[in-house]
Amino acid sequence: MYSSIGGMMDELLNVTVIVADRPYRLKIKPEEEENVRRAAKLVNQKVKDFQKSYAAKDKQDYLAMSALMYAVETFKDEGKVQIDESAFTQTLNRLDESLTEFLQS
């Protein structure tokens, strides 16, 4: 495949994942395949967990609950990442100051 600017584009891989007993065909970068398959496995496990715990009319309900649960977890993780980034930035700033002092002496 070539991009419109004449360079080579990353080759896309055709994969099929099963989510809630339905196949989904995707075109993804080869390096994303493992994460896509792991994500499908996690969603399928969560659907099974919800099926054991709740009575719903169809799998769409379980998929919706799974999506909501993972979205909430993502928001929680975003807060943790921001805190970690702040600590990392502070550490880098202290290191920069120490190096600057060392180089000036």
Protein backbone atom coordinates (compact mmCIF):
# COMPACT_ATOMS: atom_id res chain seq x y z
CA MET A 1 0.00 0.00 0.00
CA TYR A 2 1.18 3.51 -0.73
CA SER A 3 0.08 6.69 0.94
CA SER A 4 -0.99 9.73 -1.00
CA ILE A 5 2.38 11.38 -0.35
CA GLY A 6 4.27 8.55 -2.02
CA GLY A 7 5.63 6.78 1.06
CA MET A 8 5.04 3.24 2.12
CA MET A 9 2.20 2.77 4.61
CA ASP A 10 2.23 0.16 7.32
CA GLU A 11 0.73 -3.08 6.11
CA LEU A 12 -2.58 -3.85 7.75
CA LEU A 13 -3.45 -7.29 8.99
CA ASN A 14 -6.91 -8.82 8.54
CA VAL A 15 -8.00 -10.50 11.76
CA THR A 16 -11.28 -11.87 13.03
CA VAL A 17 -12.07 -11.78 16.73
CA ILE A 18 -15.09 -13.31 18.40
CA VAL A 19 -16.86 -11.09 20.90
CA ALA A 20 -20.01 -12.36 22.62
CA ASP A 21 -20.24 -15.21 20.11
CA ARG A 22 -20.15 -12.87 17.10
CA PRO A 23 -17.24 -12.57 14.68
CA TYR A 24 -15.79 -9.15 13.96
CA ARG A 25 -13.39 -8.63 11.07
CA LEU A 26 -10.79 -5.96 11.70
CA LYS A 27 -7.89 -4.41 9.82
CA ILE A 28 -5.13 -3.62 12.27
CA LYS A 29 -1.41 -3.01 12.40
CA PRO A 30 0.50 -6.24 13.03
CA GLU A 31 1.91 -4.88 16.29
CA GLU A 32 -1.66 -4.35 17.58
CA GLU A 33 -2.78 -7.95 17.06
CA GLU A 34 -1.80 -9.28 20.47
CA ASN A 35 -3.55 -6.41 22.29
CA VAL A 36 -6.69 -6.75 20.16
CA ARG A 37 -6.89 -10.48 20.88
CA ARG A 38 -6.23 -9.94 24.58
CA ALA A 39 -8.93 -7.25 24.71
CA ALA A 40 -11.46 -9.55 23.01
CA LYS A 41 -10.60 -12.28 25.52
CA LEU A 42 -11.11 -9.87 28.43
CA VAL A 43 -14.46 -8.67 27.08
CA ASN A 44 -15.63 -12.25 26.52
CA GLN A 45 -14.66 -13.16 30.08
CA LYS A 46 -16.48 -10.12 31.45
CA VAL A 47 -19.60 -11.03 29.42
CA LYS A 48 -19.49 -14.54 30.94
CA ASP A 49 -19.09 -13.07 34.42
CA PHE A 50 -22.11 -10.81 33.91
CA GLN A 51 -24.14 -13.73 32.53
CA LYS A 52 -23.50 -15.65 35.75
CA SER A 53 -24.41 -12.69 37.96
CA TYR A 54 -27.30 -10.99 36.15
CA ALA A 55 -30.38 -12.01 34.23
CA ALA A 56 -30.53 -10.13 30.94
CA LYS A 57 -32.48 -10.66 27.75
CA ASP A 58 -29.54 -10.82 25.34
CA LYS A 59 -25.80 -10.50 25.07
CA GLN A 60 -26.10 -6.86 24.00
CA ASP A 61 -26.97 -6.04 27.62
CA TYR A 62 -23.85 -7.82 28.86
CA LEU A 63 -21.71 -6.09 26.24
CA ALA A 64 -23.09 -2.72 27.29
CA MET A 65 -22.33 -3.46 30.96
CA SER A 66 -18.81 -4.61 30.02
CA ALA A 67 -18.16 -1.47 27.98
CA LEU A 68 -19.38 0.72 30.83
CA MET A 69 -17.22 -1.11 33.37
CA TYR A 70 -14.08 -0.79 31.22
CA ALA A 71 -14.79 2.90 30.54
CA VAL A 72 -15.01 3.55 34.28
CA GLU A 73 -11.72 1.69 34.83
CA THR A 74 -10.10 3.78 32.09
CA PHE A 75 -11.09 6.98 33.88
CA LYS A 76 -9.61 5.65 37.12
CA ASP A 77 -6.38 4.71 35.32
CA GLU A 78 -6.15 8.16 33.68
CA GLY A 79 -6.01 9.76 37.12
CA LYS A 80 -3.21 7.41 38.19
CA VAL A 81 -1.23 8.14 35.04
CA GLN A 82 -1.52 11.90 35.58
CA ILE A 83 -0.24 11.52 39.13
CA ASP A 84 2.66 9.35 37.95
CA GLU A 85 3.49 11.84 35.18
CA SER A 86 3.57 14.66 37.71
CA ALA A 87 5.99 12.77 39.97
CA PHE A 88 8.10 11.84 36.95
CA THR A 89 8.22 15.47 35.82
CA GLN A 90 9.27 16.62 39.29
CA THR A 91 12.04 14.02 39.38
CA LEU A 92 13.27 15.09 35.94
CA ASN A 93 13.27 18.74 37.00
CA ARG A 94 15.35 17.94 40.13
CA LEU A 95 17.76 15.89 38.02
CA ASP A 96 18.04 18.73 35.50
CA GLU A 97 18.80 21.20 38.29
CA SER A 98 21.45 18.88 39.77
CA LEU A 99 23.10 18.39 36.39
CA THR A 100 23.05 22.10 35.69
CA GLU A 101 24.70 22.85 39.05
CA PHE A 102 27.29 20.13 38.47
CA LEU A 103 28.16 21.40 34.98
CA GLN A 104 28.44 25.01 36.17
CA SER A 105 30.85 24.19 39.00
